[in-house]
N, C-alpha and C. Protein backbone atom coordinates (compact mmCIF):
# COMPACT_ATOMS: atom_id res chain seq x y z
N UNK A 1 -4.54 -3.73 10.28
CA UNK A 1 -3.82 -2.92 9.30
C UNK A 1 -3.11 -1.80 10.05
N UNK A 2 -1.81 -1.64 9.82
CA UNK A 2 -1.07 -0.57 10.49
C UNK A 2 -1.60 0.78 10.03
N UNK A 3 -1.51 1.76 10.93
CA UNK A 3 -2.12 3.06 10.67
C UNK A 3 -1.58 3.74 9.40
N UNK A 4 -0.28 3.72 9.19
CA UNK A 4 0.29 4.38 8.01
C UNK A 4 -0.18 3.71 6.72
N UNK A 5 -0.20 2.38 6.71
CA UNK A 5 -0.67 1.63 5.55
C UNK A 5 -2.15 1.88 5.33
N UNK A 6 -2.92 1.92 6.40
CA UNK A 6 -4.36 2.17 6.28
C UNK A 6 -4.62 3.56 5.71
N UNK A 7 -3.86 4.54 6.15
CA UNK A 7 -4.04 5.91 5.64
C UNK A 7 -3.69 5.96 4.15
N UNK A 8 -2.62 5.30 3.75
CA UNK A 8 -2.26 5.24 2.33
C UNK A 8 -3.35 4.52 1.53
N UNK A 9 -3.86 3.43 2.07
CA UNK A 9 -4.93 2.68 1.40
C UNK A 9 -6.18 3.55 1.27
N UNK A 10 -6.49 4.31 2.31
CA UNK A 10 -7.64 5.21 2.28
C UNK A 10 -7.50 6.22 1.15
N UNK A 11 -6.34 6.88 1.06
CA UNK A 11 -6.14 7.87 0.01
C UNK A 11 -6.07 7.23 -1.37
N UNK A 12 -5.52 6.02 -1.45
CA UNK A 12 -5.51 5.30 -2.72
C UNK A 12 -6.94 5.06 -3.20
N UNK A 13 -7.79 4.54 -2.32
CA UNK A 13 -9.18 4.25 -2.69
C UNK A 13 -9.94 5.55 -3.00
N UNK A 14 -9.82 6.52 -2.12
CA UNK A 14 -10.54 7.78 -2.31
C UNK A 14 -10.19 8.43 -3.65
N UNK A 15 -8.90 8.54 -3.94
CA UNK A 15 -8.50 9.22 -5.17
C UNK A 15 -8.66 8.35 -6.41
N UNK A 16 -8.67 7.05 -6.25
CA UNK A 16 -9.00 6.18 -7.39
C UNK A 16 -10.44 6.44 -7.83
N UNK A 17 -11.33 6.57 -6.85
CA UNK A 17 -12.74 6.84 -7.14
C UNK A 17 -12.93 8.28 -7.64
N UNK A 18 -12.29 9.24 -6.97
CA UNK A 18 -12.40 10.64 -7.41
C UNK A 18 -11.81 10.81 -8.81
N UNK A 19 -10.70 10.12 -9.09
CA UNK A 19 -10.09 10.19 -10.41
C UNK A 19 -11.01 9.64 -11.48
N UNK A 20 -11.71 8.54 -11.17
CA UNK A 20 -12.68 7.96 -12.11
C UNK A 20 -13.81 8.97 -12.37
N UNK A 21 -14.32 9.59 -11.30
CA UNK A 21 -15.38 10.59 -11.45
C UNK A 21 -14.90 11.76 -12.29
N UNK A 22 -13.67 12.20 -12.08
CA UNK A 22 -13.09 13.29 -12.85
C UNK A 22 -13.01 12.92 -14.33
N UNK A 23 -12.52 11.72 -14.60
CA UNK A 23 -12.40 11.26 -15.99
C UNK A 23 -13.79 11.16 -16.65
N UNK A 24 -14.76 10.66 -15.93
CA UNK A 24 -16.13 10.56 -16.44
C UNK A 24 -16.68 11.95 -16.75
N UNK A 25 -16.45 12.88 -15.84
CA UNK A 25 -16.91 14.26 -16.01
C UNK A 25 -16.28 14.89 -17.26
N UNK A 26 -14.95 14.80 -17.39
CA UNK A 26 -14.27 15.38 -18.55
C UNK A 26 -14.74 14.74 -19.84
N UNK A 27 -14.88 13.43 -19.81
CA UNK A 27 -15.34 12.71 -21.00
C UNK A 27 -16.74 13.14 -21.38
N UNK A 28 -17.60 13.31 -20.38
CA UNK A 28 -18.97 13.75 -20.65
C UNK A 28 -18.99 15.15 -21.27
N UNK A 29 -18.13 16.03 -20.76
CA UNK A 29 -18.07 17.38 -21.32
C UNK A 29 -17.67 17.35 -22.80
N UNK A 30 -16.77 16.43 -23.14
CA UNK A 30 -16.29 16.37 -24.53
C UNK A 30 -17.23 15.60 -25.46
N UNK A 31 -17.83 14.51 -24.96
CA UNK A 31 -18.62 13.65 -25.85
C UNK A 31 -20.13 13.77 -25.65
N UNK A 32 -20.53 14.36 -24.55
CA UNK A 32 -21.95 14.51 -24.19
C UNK A 32 -22.63 13.18 -23.89
N UNK A 33 -21.84 12.15 -23.58
CA UNK A 33 -22.42 10.90 -23.11
C UNK A 33 -21.43 10.19 -22.18
N UNK A 34 -21.95 9.24 -21.45
CA UNK A 34 -21.16 8.51 -20.45
C UNK A 34 -20.18 7.57 -21.13
N UNK A 35 -18.90 7.69 -20.78
CA UNK A 35 -17.86 6.77 -21.24
C UNK A 35 -17.06 6.35 -20.02
N UNK A 36 -17.00 5.05 -19.79
CA UNK A 36 -16.22 4.52 -18.67
C UNK A 36 -14.75 4.57 -19.05
N UNK A 37 -14.03 5.55 -18.54
CA UNK A 37 -12.63 5.76 -18.88
C UNK A 37 -11.76 4.77 -18.10
N UNK A 38 -10.61 4.49 -18.63
CA UNK A 38 -9.65 3.64 -17.95
C UNK A 38 -9.72 2.20 -18.41
N UNK A 39 -8.75 1.42 -17.97
CA UNK A 39 -8.64 0.03 -18.36
C UNK A 39 -9.59 -0.88 -17.58
N UNK A 40 -9.91 -0.47 -16.35
CA UNK A 40 -10.75 -1.29 -15.48
C UNK A 40 -12.22 -0.99 -15.72
N UNK A 41 -13.07 -1.84 -15.18
CA UNK A 41 -14.51 -1.70 -15.37
C UNK A 41 -15.21 -1.02 -14.20
N UNK A 42 -14.65 -1.11 -13.01
CA UNK A 42 -15.28 -0.55 -11.82
C UNK A 42 -15.14 0.96 -11.77
N UNK A 43 -15.78 1.57 -10.79
CA UNK A 43 -15.74 3.03 -10.65
C UNK A 43 -14.46 3.51 -9.96
N UNK A 44 -13.33 3.19 -10.57
CA UNK A 44 -12.04 3.60 -10.03
C UNK A 44 -11.00 3.65 -11.14
N UNK A 45 -10.07 4.57 -10.96
CA UNK A 45 -8.94 4.70 -11.87
C UNK A 45 -7.70 4.72 -10.99
N UNK A 46 -7.08 3.55 -10.80
CA UNK A 46 -5.99 3.42 -9.83
C UNK A 46 -4.78 4.32 -10.05
N UNK A 47 -4.54 4.80 -11.26
CA UNK A 47 -3.38 5.68 -11.46
C UNK A 47 -3.53 6.94 -10.60
N UNK A 48 -4.77 7.41 -10.42
CA UNK A 48 -5.01 8.55 -9.53
C UNK A 48 -4.76 8.16 -8.07
N UNK A 49 -5.16 6.95 -7.72
CA UNK A 49 -4.94 6.47 -6.36
C UNK A 49 -3.46 6.32 -6.05
N UNK A 50 -2.70 5.76 -7.00
CA UNK A 50 -1.25 5.64 -6.79
C UNK A 50 -0.62 7.02 -6.69
N UNK A 51 -1.09 7.93 -7.53
CA UNK A 51 -0.57 9.30 -7.47
C UNK A 51 -0.82 9.94 -6.12
N UNK A 52 -2.03 9.76 -5.60
CA UNK A 52 -2.36 10.33 -4.28
C UNK A 52 -1.53 9.69 -3.18
N UNK A 53 -1.36 8.38 -3.24
CA UNK A 53 -0.54 7.70 -2.22
C UNK A 53 0.90 8.20 -2.27
N UNK A 54 1.41 8.40 -3.48
CA UNK A 54 2.77 8.94 -3.63
C UNK A 54 2.84 10.35 -3.05
N UNK A 55 1.82 11.16 -3.31
CA UNK A 55 1.80 12.53 -2.77
C UNK A 55 1.76 12.50 -1.24
N UNK A 56 0.97 11.60 -0.67
CA UNK A 56 0.91 11.48 0.80
C UNK A 56 2.30 11.13 1.34
N UNK A 57 2.92 10.13 0.74
CA UNK A 57 4.26 9.72 1.19
C UNK A 57 5.27 10.86 1.04
N UNK A 58 5.26 11.51 -0.11
CA UNK A 58 6.22 12.58 -0.36
C UNK A 58 5.98 13.80 0.53
N UNK A 59 4.73 14.14 0.74
CA UNK A 59 4.44 15.33 1.54
C UNK A 59 4.81 15.12 3.01
N UNK A 60 4.85 13.87 3.44
CA UNK A 60 5.33 13.58 4.79
C UNK A 60 6.84 13.77 4.89
N UNK A 61 7.54 13.60 3.76
CA UNK A 61 9.01 13.68 3.74
C UNK A 61 9.53 15.03 3.27
N UNK A 62 8.90 15.58 2.23
CA UNK A 62 9.36 16.84 1.64
C UNK A 62 8.53 18.00 2.20
N UNK A 63 9.15 18.86 2.91
CA UNK A 63 8.40 19.93 3.57
C UNK A 63 8.29 21.21 2.74
N UNK A 64 9.16 21.36 1.73
CA UNK A 64 9.13 22.57 0.91
C UNK A 64 8.29 22.30 -0.35
N UNK A 65 7.32 23.17 -0.62
CA UNK A 65 6.44 22.95 -1.77
C UNK A 65 7.18 22.76 -3.10
N UNK A 66 8.25 23.50 -3.33
CA UNK A 66 8.97 23.36 -4.60
C UNK A 66 9.56 21.95 -4.75
N UNK A 67 10.00 21.35 -3.63
CA UNK A 67 10.55 19.99 -3.68
C UNK A 67 9.45 19.00 -4.09
N UNK A 68 8.28 19.16 -3.51
CA UNK A 68 7.16 18.29 -3.86
C UNK A 68 6.77 18.50 -5.32
N UNK A 69 6.72 19.75 -5.75
CA UNK A 69 6.34 20.06 -7.13
C UNK A 69 7.28 19.37 -8.12
N UNK A 70 8.57 19.54 -7.94
CA UNK A 70 9.55 18.96 -8.87
C UNK A 70 9.50 17.44 -8.82
N UNK A 71 9.41 16.88 -7.63
CA UNK A 71 9.39 15.42 -7.49
C UNK A 71 8.14 14.83 -8.14
N UNK A 72 6.98 15.44 -7.92
CA UNK A 72 5.74 14.95 -8.52
C UNK A 72 5.78 15.15 -10.03
N UNK A 73 6.31 16.25 -10.48
CA UNK A 73 6.44 16.50 -11.91
C UNK A 73 7.19 15.33 -12.58
N UNK A 74 8.33 14.98 -12.01
CA UNK A 74 9.14 13.89 -12.58
C UNK A 74 8.45 12.54 -12.39
N UNK A 75 7.98 12.28 -11.16
CA UNK A 75 7.37 10.97 -10.86
C UNK A 75 6.11 10.74 -11.69
N UNK A 76 5.27 11.76 -11.84
CA UNK A 76 4.04 11.58 -12.63
C UNK A 76 4.37 11.38 -14.10
N UNK A 77 5.42 12.04 -14.57
CA UNK A 77 5.84 11.83 -15.95
C UNK A 77 6.29 10.40 -16.19
N UNK A 78 7.09 9.89 -15.26
CA UNK A 78 7.57 8.51 -15.38
C UNK A 78 6.40 7.53 -15.27
N UNK A 79 5.53 7.73 -14.28
CA UNK A 79 4.39 6.83 -14.07
C UNK A 79 3.45 6.84 -15.28
N UNK A 80 3.11 8.03 -15.77
CA UNK A 80 2.17 8.11 -16.88
C UNK A 80 2.79 7.56 -18.17
N UNK A 81 4.04 7.89 -18.43
CA UNK A 81 4.71 7.38 -19.63
C UNK A 81 4.81 5.86 -19.59
N UNK A 82 5.26 5.33 -18.46
CA UNK A 82 5.41 3.88 -18.32
C UNK A 82 4.06 3.17 -18.47
N UNK A 83 3.03 3.72 -17.85
CA UNK A 83 1.70 3.13 -17.95
C UNK A 83 1.22 3.12 -19.40
N UNK A 84 1.36 4.24 -20.09
CA UNK A 84 0.94 4.33 -21.49
C UNK A 84 1.73 3.34 -22.34
N UNK A 85 3.03 3.26 -22.12
CA UNK A 85 3.87 2.35 -22.90
C UNK A 85 3.44 0.90 -22.70
N UNK A 86 3.25 0.51 -21.45
CA UNK A 86 2.86 -0.88 -21.15
C UNK A 86 1.49 -1.18 -21.77
N UNK A 87 0.52 -0.28 -21.60
CA UNK A 87 -0.80 -0.50 -22.18
C UNK A 87 -0.73 -0.63 -23.70
N UNK A 88 0.04 0.22 -24.33
CA UNK A 88 0.15 0.18 -25.78
C UNK A 88 0.82 -1.12 -26.25
N UNK A 89 1.83 -1.56 -25.54
CA UNK A 89 2.53 -2.79 -25.92
C UNK A 89 1.66 -4.02 -25.69
N UNK A 90 0.95 -4.05 -24.57
CA UNK A 90 0.13 -5.23 -24.26
C UNK A 90 -1.17 -5.29 -25.05
N UNK A 91 -1.81 -4.14 -25.22
CA UNK A 91 -3.16 -4.14 -25.79
C UNK A 91 -3.27 -3.45 -27.14
N UNK A 92 -2.19 -2.87 -27.62
CA UNK A 92 -2.18 -2.18 -28.91
C UNK A 92 -3.30 -1.12 -28.96
N UNK A 93 -3.46 -0.42 -27.86
CA UNK A 93 -4.48 0.63 -27.74
C UNK A 93 -3.94 1.74 -26.85
N UNK A 94 -4.52 2.92 -27.00
CA UNK A 94 -4.14 4.06 -26.16
C UNK A 94 -5.36 4.52 -25.38
N UNK A 95 -5.17 4.71 -24.08
CA UNK A 95 -6.25 5.25 -23.26
C UNK A 95 -6.18 6.77 -23.22
N UNK A 96 -5.07 7.36 -23.61
CA UNK A 96 -4.94 8.81 -23.76
C UNK A 96 -3.90 9.08 -24.83
N UNK A 97 -4.02 10.26 -25.44
CA UNK A 97 -3.11 10.62 -26.52
C UNK A 97 -2.91 12.14 -26.49
N UNK A 98 -1.72 12.56 -26.11
CA UNK A 98 -1.39 13.98 -26.03
C UNK A 98 -0.64 14.47 -27.27
N UNK A 99 -0.71 13.72 -28.35
CA UNK A 99 0.10 14.07 -29.52
C UNK A 99 -0.26 15.42 -30.12
N UNK A 100 -1.44 15.94 -29.85
CA UNK A 100 -1.82 17.25 -30.36
C UNK A 100 -1.35 18.38 -29.45
N UNK A 101 -0.83 18.04 -28.29
CA UNK A 101 -0.37 19.03 -27.32
C UNK A 101 1.08 19.41 -27.63
N UNK A 102 1.44 20.65 -27.31
CA UNK A 102 2.84 21.06 -27.44
C UNK A 102 3.69 20.33 -26.41
N UNK A 103 4.92 20.14 -26.71
CA UNK A 103 5.90 19.54 -25.80
C UNK A 103 5.43 18.19 -25.26
N UNK A 104 5.00 17.33 -26.19
CA UNK A 104 4.59 15.98 -25.78
C UNK A 104 5.70 15.00 -26.15
N UNK A 105 5.70 13.87 -25.48
CA UNK A 105 6.67 12.82 -25.76
C UNK A 105 5.89 11.60 -26.24
N UNK A 106 5.90 11.39 -27.54
CA UNK A 106 5.21 10.27 -28.19
C UNK A 106 3.71 10.21 -27.84
N UNK A 107 3.13 11.34 -27.49
CA UNK A 107 1.72 11.40 -27.15
C UNK A 107 1.38 10.79 -25.79
N UNK A 108 2.39 10.29 -25.09
CA UNK A 108 2.16 9.62 -23.80
C UNK A 108 2.15 10.57 -22.62
N UNK A 109 2.96 11.60 -22.70
CA UNK A 109 2.99 12.64 -21.67
C UNK A 109 3.16 13.97 -22.37
N UNK A 110 2.81 15.05 -21.68
CA UNK A 110 3.04 16.39 -22.24
C UNK A 110 3.30 17.36 -21.09
N UNK A 111 4.01 18.41 -21.42
CA UNK A 111 4.41 19.40 -20.42
C UNK A 111 3.21 20.00 -19.70
N UNK A 112 2.18 20.36 -20.44
CA UNK A 112 1.00 21.02 -19.85
C UNK A 112 0.39 20.18 -18.73
N UNK A 113 0.21 18.89 -18.98
CA UNK A 113 -0.41 18.03 -17.96
C UNK A 113 0.55 17.70 -16.82
N UNK A 114 1.84 17.61 -17.11
CA UNK A 114 2.80 17.39 -16.02
C UNK A 114 2.80 18.58 -15.07
N UNK A 115 2.75 19.80 -15.64
CA UNK A 115 2.67 21.00 -14.80
C UNK A 115 1.36 21.01 -14.00
N UNK A 116 0.26 20.60 -14.65
CA UNK A 116 -1.03 20.53 -13.97
C UNK A 116 -0.99 19.50 -12.85
N UNK A 117 -0.46 18.29 -13.12
CA UNK A 117 -0.39 17.24 -12.10
C UNK A 117 0.43 17.72 -10.90
N UNK A 118 1.57 18.36 -11.15
CA UNK A 118 2.43 18.81 -10.07
C UNK A 118 1.76 19.91 -9.24
N UNK A 119 1.05 20.81 -9.93
CA UNK A 119 0.34 21.88 -9.23
C UNK A 119 -0.80 21.31 -8.37
N UNK A 120 -1.58 20.41 -8.97
CA UNK A 120 -2.69 19.78 -8.23
C UNK A 120 -2.14 18.97 -7.05
N UNK A 121 -1.02 18.30 -7.24
CA UNK A 121 -0.42 17.52 -6.16
C UNK A 121 -0.07 18.42 -4.97
N UNK A 122 0.45 19.60 -5.25
CA UNK A 122 0.77 20.53 -4.15
C UNK A 122 -0.50 21.00 -3.45
N UNK A 123 -1.54 21.30 -4.23
CA UNK A 123 -2.82 21.69 -3.61
C UNK A 123 -3.39 20.55 -2.77
N UNK A 124 -3.31 19.35 -3.30
CA UNK A 124 -3.80 18.18 -2.56
C UNK A 124 -2.99 17.98 -1.29
N UNK A 125 -1.67 18.08 -1.40
CA UNK A 125 -0.80 17.82 -0.25
C UNK A 125 -0.98 18.85 0.86
N UNK A 126 -1.11 20.11 0.49
CA UNK A 126 -1.09 21.17 1.51
C UNK A 126 -2.46 21.72 1.89
N UNK A 127 -3.49 21.39 1.11
CA UNK A 127 -4.84 21.88 1.42
C UNK A 127 -5.82 20.72 1.58
N UNK A 128 -5.94 19.86 0.58
CA UNK A 128 -6.97 18.82 0.57
C UNK A 128 -6.71 17.74 1.63
N UNK A 129 -5.50 17.20 1.65
CA UNK A 129 -5.21 16.12 2.60
C UNK A 129 -5.34 16.58 4.05
N UNK A 130 -4.78 17.74 4.43
CA UNK A 130 -5.00 18.18 5.82
C UNK A 130 -6.48 18.34 6.16
N UNK A 131 -7.27 18.82 5.18
CA UNK A 131 -8.70 18.96 5.40
C UNK A 131 -9.36 17.59 5.59
N UNK A 132 -9.07 16.66 4.70
CA UNK A 132 -9.67 15.32 4.78
C UNK A 132 -9.19 14.57 6.02
N UNK A 133 -7.92 14.77 6.39
CA UNK A 133 -7.38 14.11 7.58
C UNK A 133 -8.19 14.41 8.84
N UNK A 134 -8.77 15.60 8.91
CA UNK A 134 -9.60 15.96 10.07
C UNK A 134 -10.77 14.99 10.21
N UNK A 135 -11.31 14.54 9.10
CA UNK A 135 -12.42 13.58 9.10
C UNK A 135 -11.90 12.15 9.17
N UNK A 136 -10.80 11.90 8.48
CA UNK A 136 -10.23 10.54 8.44
C UNK A 136 -9.97 10.02 9.86
N UNK A 137 -9.39 10.83 10.70
CA UNK A 137 -9.02 10.38 12.04
C UNK A 137 -10.24 10.21 12.96
N UNK A 138 -11.42 10.61 12.50
CA UNK A 138 -12.65 10.41 13.28
C UNK A 138 -13.41 9.16 12.87
N UNK A 139 -12.99 8.52 11.77
CA UNK A 139 -13.69 7.33 11.28
C UNK A 139 -13.35 6.14 12.16
N UNK A 140 -14.36 5.34 12.46
CA UNK A 140 -14.15 4.12 13.24
C UNK A 140 -13.14 3.24 12.50
N UNK A 141 -12.06 2.91 13.17
CA UNK A 141 -10.95 2.20 12.52
C UNK A 141 -11.33 0.80 12.04
N UNK A 142 -12.19 0.11 12.78
CA UNK A 142 -12.60 -1.24 12.36
C UNK A 142 -13.49 -1.17 11.12
N UNK A 143 -14.41 -0.23 11.11
CA UNK A 143 -15.30 -0.06 9.95
C UNK A 143 -14.47 0.34 8.72
N UNK A 144 -13.55 1.26 8.92
CA UNK A 144 -12.70 1.71 7.81
C UNK A 144 -11.89 0.55 7.25
N UNK A 145 -11.33 -0.28 8.12
CA UNK A 145 -10.53 -1.42 7.67
C UNK A 145 -11.36 -2.37 6.81
N UNK A 146 -12.57 -2.67 7.26
CA UNK A 146 -13.45 -3.57 6.49
C UNK A 146 -13.78 -2.97 5.13
N UNK A 147 -14.13 -1.70 5.11
CA UNK A 147 -14.48 -1.03 3.85
C UNK A 147 -13.28 -1.02 2.90
N UNK A 148 -12.10 -0.70 3.42
CA UNK A 148 -10.90 -0.66 2.58
C UNK A 148 -10.56 -2.03 2.02
N UNK A 149 -10.67 -3.06 2.85
CA UNK A 149 -10.38 -4.43 2.39
C UNK A 149 -11.34 -4.83 1.28
N UNK A 150 -12.62 -4.52 1.45
CA UNK A 150 -13.62 -4.86 0.43
C UNK A 150 -13.33 -4.14 -0.88
N UNK A 151 -13.10 -2.83 -0.81
CA UNK A 151 -12.90 -2.06 -2.04
C UNK A 151 -11.58 -2.43 -2.71
N UNK A 152 -10.52 -2.59 -1.95
CA UNK A 152 -9.23 -2.95 -2.55
C UNK A 152 -9.30 -4.35 -3.14
N UNK A 153 -10.01 -5.25 -2.51
CA UNK A 153 -10.22 -6.59 -3.08
C UNK A 153 -10.96 -6.48 -4.41
N UNK A 154 -12.00 -5.66 -4.45
CA UNK A 154 -12.76 -5.46 -5.69
C UNK A 154 -11.88 -4.86 -6.79
N UNK A 155 -11.04 -3.91 -6.44
CA UNK A 155 -10.13 -3.31 -7.41
C UNK A 155 -9.15 -4.37 -7.93
N UNK A 156 -8.63 -5.20 -7.03
CA UNK A 156 -7.69 -6.25 -7.44
C UNK A 156 -8.36 -7.28 -8.35
N UNK A 157 -9.58 -7.68 -8.02
CA UNK A 157 -10.32 -8.63 -8.88
C UNK A 157 -10.56 -7.98 -10.24
N UNK A 158 -10.98 -6.73 -10.25
CA UNK A 158 -11.21 -5.99 -11.49
C UNK A 158 -9.90 -5.92 -12.30
N UNK A 159 -8.80 -5.66 -11.62
CA UNK A 159 -7.50 -5.56 -12.29
C UNK A 159 -7.12 -6.89 -12.95
N UNK A 160 -7.24 -7.97 -12.20
CA UNK A 160 -6.89 -9.29 -12.75
C UNK A 160 -7.79 -9.62 -13.94
N UNK A 161 -9.08 -9.39 -13.80
CA UNK A 161 -10.01 -9.63 -14.91
C UNK A 161 -9.63 -8.76 -16.12
N UNK A 162 -9.31 -7.48 -15.85
CA UNK A 162 -9.05 -6.54 -16.93
C UNK A 162 -7.72 -6.77 -17.63
N UNK A 163 -6.82 -7.47 -17.00
CA UNK A 163 -5.57 -7.82 -17.68
C UNK A 163 -5.88 -8.64 -18.93
N UNK A 164 -6.85 -9.53 -18.81
CA UNK A 164 -7.22 -10.41 -19.91
C UNK A 164 -8.36 -9.86 -20.76
N UNK A 165 -9.15 -8.95 -20.18
CA UNK A 165 -10.31 -8.37 -20.87
C UNK A 165 -10.38 -6.87 -20.58
N UNK A 166 -9.44 -6.09 -21.09
CA UNK A 166 -9.43 -4.65 -20.74
C UNK A 166 -10.64 -3.92 -21.28
N UNK A 167 -11.02 -2.88 -20.56
CA UNK A 167 -12.09 -2.00 -21.00
C UNK A 167 -11.54 -1.14 -22.14
N UNK A 168 -11.95 -1.43 -23.34
CA UNK A 168 -11.46 -0.70 -24.52
C UNK A 168 -12.44 0.38 -24.99
N UNK A 169 -13.46 0.66 -24.19
CA UNK A 169 -14.52 1.59 -24.60
C UNK A 169 -13.99 2.99 -24.88
N UNK A 170 -12.97 3.41 -24.19
CA UNK A 170 -12.51 4.79 -24.32
C UNK A 170 -11.08 4.87 -24.87
N UNK A 171 -10.71 3.91 -25.71
CA UNK A 171 -9.34 3.90 -26.21
C UNK A 171 -9.26 4.49 -27.61
N UNK A 172 -8.05 4.85 -27.98
CA UNK A 172 -7.75 5.31 -29.34
C UNK A 172 -7.07 4.12 -30.01
N UNK A 173 -7.77 3.40 -30.83
CA UNK A 173 -7.20 2.22 -31.47
C UNK A 173 -6.45 2.58 -32.74
């Protein structure tokens, strides 16, 4: 696996898992019980992984924080809106609904969360990723490759299975 692709895969996997943990935590705070959030069944939420991979790519190209902020603001809005639209059309269910938030667009995206995503992306790009990179570059490359292949394969199998049998446990029907 080429180094740049491996690094993107690493951040995709790491943030897919961290995103799932975040969603579980928020859900637990609201409902006081465990709810497996997201369309997939495994302990990952790939939209967070894709977001992190995009941030890694953009932060390598965009050196000014305001450029990253604006780009992530727009990109996350497009990604989240498109994802919500596709899920609603395919499964007639919503995994999130921002319709009670101010400045929302059909409940699929809202200004408050787009601002939050863009702010977090800047923190991730300029603080978290440089910190994690210090450890990333010390990991045995062969071991990391095997782990990434196993986890990404599991995510792909989960994704294919979930296309036909989505996790509807945390949806708004």
